[in-house]
Protein backbone atom coordinates (compact mmCIF):
# COMPACT_ATOMS: atom_id res chain seq x y z
CA MET A 1 85.49 114.98 103.63
CA THR A 2 89.09 114.38 103.88
CA PHE A 3 90.47 112.04 106.52
CA LEU A 4 94.29 112.07 106.39
CA ALA A 5 96.81 111.99 109.24
CA ALA A 6 97.25 115.38 110.87
CA ARG A 7 99.67 114.23 113.44
CA THR A 8 103.30 113.54 112.70
CA ASP A 9 104.61 112.66 116.12
CA CYS A 10 102.74 109.35 116.84
CA PHE A 11 105.97 107.32 116.46
CA LYS A 12 107.47 109.49 119.36
CA TYR A 13 104.46 108.84 121.44
CA PHE A 14 104.70 104.97 121.17
CA CYS A 15 108.46 105.20 121.60
CA GLU A 16 108.02 106.60 125.06
CA GLN A 17 105.14 104.19 125.83
CA LEU A 18 107.24 101.12 124.89
CA ASN A 19 110.41 102.62 126.10
CA GLU A 20 112.14 101.81 122.93
CA ASP A 21 112.99 103.98 119.76
CA ASN A 22 114.82 101.61 117.60
CA TRP A 23 112.24 99.70 115.52
CA ARG A 24 114.58 98.82 112.65
CA ASP A 25 114.33 95.17 113.21
CA LYS A 26 110.52 95.13 113.75
CA ASN A 27 107.53 94.24 111.55
CA VAL A 28 105.06 96.95 112.52
CA LEU A 29 101.32 97.27 111.89
CA ASP A 30 99.86 100.75 112.02
CA PHE A 31 96.19 99.87 112.76
CA GLY A 32 93.91 102.76 111.88
CA GLY A 33 97.29 104.55 110.59
CA SER A 34 95.49 106.55 107.92
CA ASP A 35 97.99 107.54 105.17
CA GLY A 36 100.98 106.40 107.26
CA GLY A 37 100.83 108.16 110.59
CA LEU A 38 103.81 106.27 112.17
CA LEU A 39 106.08 106.62 109.01
CA ARG A 40 105.43 110.32 108.69
CA ASP A 41 106.99 111.04 112.11
CA PRO A 42 110.39 112.56 111.24
CA VAL A 43 112.13 110.57 114.07
CA ALA A 44 110.58 107.19 112.91
CA THR A 45 112.94 104.30 112.69
CA ILE A 46 110.69 101.99 110.88
CA ILE A 47 111.88 100.17 107.77
CA GLU A 48 109.47 101.08 104.95
CA GLU A 49 109.29 97.39 103.70
CA ARG A 50 108.51 96.13 107.29
CA TYR A 51 105.58 98.50 107.62
CA TRP A 52 101.73 97.50 107.28
CA CYS A 53 98.96 100.07 107.36
CA ILE A 54 95.37 98.90 107.91
CA ASP A 55 92.71 101.82 107.77
CA ILE A 56 88.88 102.27 107.07
CA VAL A 57 89.50 105.32 104.95
CA GLU A 58 90.06 104.28 101.20
CA GLU A 59 91.51 107.65 100.32
CA ALA A 60 94.02 107.45 103.17
CA ILE A 61 95.27 104.09 101.99
CA ALA A 62 95.51 105.33 98.27
CA HIS A 63 97.55 108.47 99.47
CA GLY A 64 99.91 106.30 101.75
CA ARG A 65 100.54 103.91 98.90
CA ALA A 66 101.54 106.67 96.53
CA ASP A 67 104.08 108.20 99.31
CA TYR A 68 105.55 104.84 100.40
CA PRO A 69 105.05 102.32 97.69
CA ARG A 70 107.46 99.82 99.42
CA ALA A 71 105.18 99.66 102.44
CA HIS A 72 102.14 97.32 102.73
CA TRP A 73 98.60 98.99 102.62
CA LEU A 74 95.25 97.26 103.32
CA PHE A 75 91.68 99.01 102.97
CA TYR A 76 89.45 97.74 105.77
CA ASP A 77 85.79 98.77 104.77
CA ARG A 78 84.43 98.35 108.34
CA TYR A 79 81.54 100.53 109.46
CA SER A 80 82.58 103.52 111.49
CA PHE A 81 80.03 106.12 112.73
CA TYR A 82 82.34 109.12 111.52
CA TYR A 83 85.08 107.89 109.54
CA ASN A 84 83.21 105.24 107.25
CA PRO A 85 79.38 105.40 107.89
CA ARG A 86 78.78 103.28 104.62
CA GLY A 87 81.14 100.46 105.68
CA ILE A 88 80.08 96.81 106.87
CA PRO A 89 79.29 96.45 110.43
CA ASP A 90 81.43 94.09 112.32
CA LEU A 91 83.53 93.18 109.57
CA ALA A 92 86.66 91.18 110.70
CA ILE A 93 90.11 92.59 110.50
CA PRO A 94 91.78 91.36 107.13
CA ASP A 95 94.70 89.03 107.75
CA PRO A 96 97.85 90.65 106.05
CA GLY A 97 99.65 87.37 106.02
CA GLN A 98 102.27 88.65 108.55
CA ARG A 99 102.52 88.55 112.31
CA PHE A 100 104.03 91.82 114.04
CA ASP A 101 106.43 92.78 116.61
CA VAL A 102 104.38 95.92 117.10
CA ILE A 103 100.96 96.68 116.49
CA ALA A 104 100.23 100.42 117.32
CA ALA A 105 96.74 102.03 117.16
CA TYR A 106 96.71 105.79 117.83
CA SER A 107 93.17 107.45 118.49
CA VAL A 108 91.54 104.41 116.98
CA PHE A 109 89.54 103.41 120.10
CA THR A 110 88.74 106.99 120.90
CA SER A 111 85.89 106.73 118.51
CA THR A 112 84.87 103.11 119.02
CA ARG A 113 82.29 101.66 121.20
CA ALA A 114 82.97 99.20 123.92
CA ALA A 115 81.29 96.19 122.09
CA GLU A 116 83.59 96.86 119.07
CA LEU A 117 86.64 97.29 121.33
CA LEU A 118 86.21 93.87 122.89
CA THR A 119 85.82 92.44 119.50
CA LEU A 120 88.66 94.00 117.72
CA VAL A 121 91.42 93.64 120.38
CA PRO A 122 91.51 89.99 120.55
CA GLN A 123 91.66 89.98 116.67
CA LEU A 124 94.68 92.37 116.87
CA GLU A 125 96.22 90.16 119.66
CA ASN A 126 96.14 87.25 117.18
CA LEU A 127 98.30 89.03 114.71
CA LEU A 128 101.27 89.53 117.16
CA ALA A 129 104.24 87.60 116.66
CA PRO A 130 105.49 85.69 119.84
CA GLY A 131 106.80 88.60 122.28
CA GLY A 132 105.08 91.22 120.11
CA THR A 133 103.14 94.08 121.72
CA LEU A 134 99.83 95.63 120.83
CA ALA A 135 99.76 99.38 122.00
CA PHE A 136 96.53 101.36 121.71
CA THR A 137 95.54 104.58 122.92
CA PHE A 138 92.34 105.73 124.79
CA ILE A 139 91.08 108.88 126.62
CA ASP A 140 90.15 109.04 130.20
CA PRO A 141 87.15 111.51 130.57
CA HIS A 142 88.08 112.35 134.16
CA PHE A 143 91.87 112.77 133.72
CA HIS A 144 93.44 116.21 133.95
CA SER A 145 96.26 115.96 131.29
CA TRP A 146 97.71 119.56 131.67
CA PRO A 147 97.22 120.58 135.26
CA GLY A 148 100.05 123.18 135.09
CA THR A 149 98.20 124.97 132.15
CA TYR A 150 94.40 123.94 132.13
CA ALA A 151 92.47 123.10 135.15
CA GLY A 152 89.70 120.81 133.41
CA SER A 153 89.30 117.36 132.52
CA ASN A 154 89.66 115.71 129.27
CA LEU A 155 86.17 115.65 128.68
CA ARG A 156 85.55 119.41 129.86
CA TRP A 157 88.21 120.11 127.28
CA ARG A 158 86.29 118.52 124.51
CA LEU A 159 83.17 119.96 125.47
CA GLU A 160 84.32 123.62 125.69
CA LYS A 161 86.08 123.06 122.47
CA GLU A 162 82.78 122.13 120.77
CA ARG A 163 80.95 124.87 122.47
CA SER A 164 83.62 127.38 121.21
CA GLU A 165 82.94 125.99 117.63
CA GLY A 166 79.28 126.66 117.76
CA ALA A 167 77.77 123.55 119.41
CA ASP A 168 74.71 124.47 121.62
CA ILE A 169 75.58 122.62 124.62
CA ASP A 170 75.54 123.22 128.43
CA VAL A 171 79.05 122.05 129.51
CA SER A 172 78.29 121.93 133.22
CA ASP A 173 75.18 119.93 132.64
CA LEU A 174 76.75 117.34 130.49
CA LEU A 175 79.84 117.16 132.93
CA ALA A 176 77.54 116.53 135.74
CA ARG A 177 75.79 113.58 133.82
CA ALA A 178 79.22 112.06 133.21
CA ARG A 179 80.37 112.45 136.86
CA GLY A 180 81.52 108.90 138.02
CA ALA A 181 81.01 107.19 134.65
CA SER A 182 83.54 104.74 133.56
CA CYS A 183 82.87 105.29 129.87
CA CYS A 184 80.84 107.84 127.96
CA THR A 185 80.20 108.58 124.26
CA LEU A 186 79.88 111.86 122.76
CA LEU A 187 78.09 111.98 119.37
CA ASN A 188 77.65 114.92 117.07
CA ASN A 189 79.34 117.32 119.53
CA ALA A 190 76.22 117.39 121.83
CA ASP A 191 74.65 113.86 122.49
CA LEU A 192 76.25 112.32 125.60
CA TYR A 193 75.66 108.84 126.47
CA VAL A 194 77.15 107.50 129.66
CA ASP A 195 78.28 103.85 130.84
CA ASP A 196 76.20 101.31 129.18
CA GLN A 197 73.45 103.68 128.20
CA GLU A 198 71.90 102.44 124.91
CA ILE A 199 72.77 104.39 121.97
CA PRO A 200 70.03 104.78 119.16
CA ASP A 201 70.35 104.29 115.53
CA TYR A 202 71.33 107.52 113.68
CA PRO A 203 70.36 108.20 110.15
CA LEU A 204 73.35 108.15 107.80
CA VAL A 205 73.27 111.83 107.17
CA ASP A 206 73.13 112.56 110.96
CA GLN A 207 76.46 110.51 111.63
CA LYS A 208 78.98 113.27 112.19
CA THR A 209 81.48 113.31 114.97
CA SER A 210 82.22 110.56 117.69
CA HIS A 211 84.38 110.77 120.79
CA VAL A 212 84.52 107.65 123.16
CA TYR A 213 86.10 107.88 126.67
CA TYR A 214 87.10 105.17 129.02
CA THR A 215 88.53 105.53 132.43
CA ALA A 216 91.82 103.83 133.15
CA GLU A 217 89.91 101.48 135.73
CA ARG A 218 87.41 100.49 133.10
CA MET A 219 90.23 99.71 130.56
CA ALA A 220 92.17 97.66 133.15
CA SER A 221 88.85 95.81 133.92
CA LEU A 222 88.22 95.04 130.11
CA PHE A 223 91.78 93.79 129.61
CA PRO A 224 93.23 92.52 132.94
CA GLN A 225 96.29 91.18 131.04
CA ALA A 226 97.15 94.69 129.81
CA ARG A 227 99.48 97.22 131.27
CA ILE A 228 97.94 100.72 131.35
CA LYS A 229 100.20 103.72 131.01
CA ARG A 230 99.51 107.37 131.82
CA PRO A 231 99.71 109.80 128.76
CA ALA A 232 103.21 110.57 127.32
CA ASN A 233 104.59 113.28 124.86
CA ASN A 234 102.20 115.86 126.40
CA GLU A 235 99.16 114.08 125.03
CA MET A 236 95.87 113.43 126.58
CA GLN A 237 95.74 109.75 125.56
CA HIS A 238 96.53 106.90 127.92
CA CYS A 239 98.12 103.80 126.42
CA CYS A 240 97.17 100.20 126.75
CA LEU A 241 99.90 97.62 126.27
CA ILE A 242 99.18 93.94 125.81
CA ARG A 243 102.06 91.72 125.28
CA ARG A 244 102.03 88.17 123.67
CA GLY A 245 103.96 85.68 125.42
């Protein structure tokens, strides 16, 4: 299966959340940036030589290196239920030998469970330069991202999408189970686990899709030093900002 960046407007999203669009003087780490998600945005103002990308998909890293040879690329062979099921569980983030003014992680922790989130975020904070900012996205299951055009929550949108693509699920039942949950995990389009419910091990061949949700309140409780911002750029993803003093 191919995992290359499909989005080309991630830079614009983070510009809105950071309220800054000139990144020419910044060293930037695109964590989970696939084959160069931030650089591929037509409005990006990142200097190629000042861009680093760390990703768990080796093919994506190779593709990005071929397109942007002056940037810096690191393959991170960490386990992921969907993206790298043969990777190494709990592998530490490789040290790129650089500290960063901006670390951006777009739609990385939308497939990462809470225990991993709590391990990875401090490691990323340690890679920030003084005054640098870590910005990562997450999806609130109960938030209504497009109230003018779609009446449902983010979780309802995902469940209805999976059902329309053939998943045998009862959307109303799953939504009822998730009501009031501060986090939930949807595996393989149909298996929903709420809050701190134990998730069983899945055989390798059964590790397919993974969608993880956190409410804004849950994210704020996990990272009280952070600033939580609502979705921007007509997205469904909130943003968590952590600044190093």
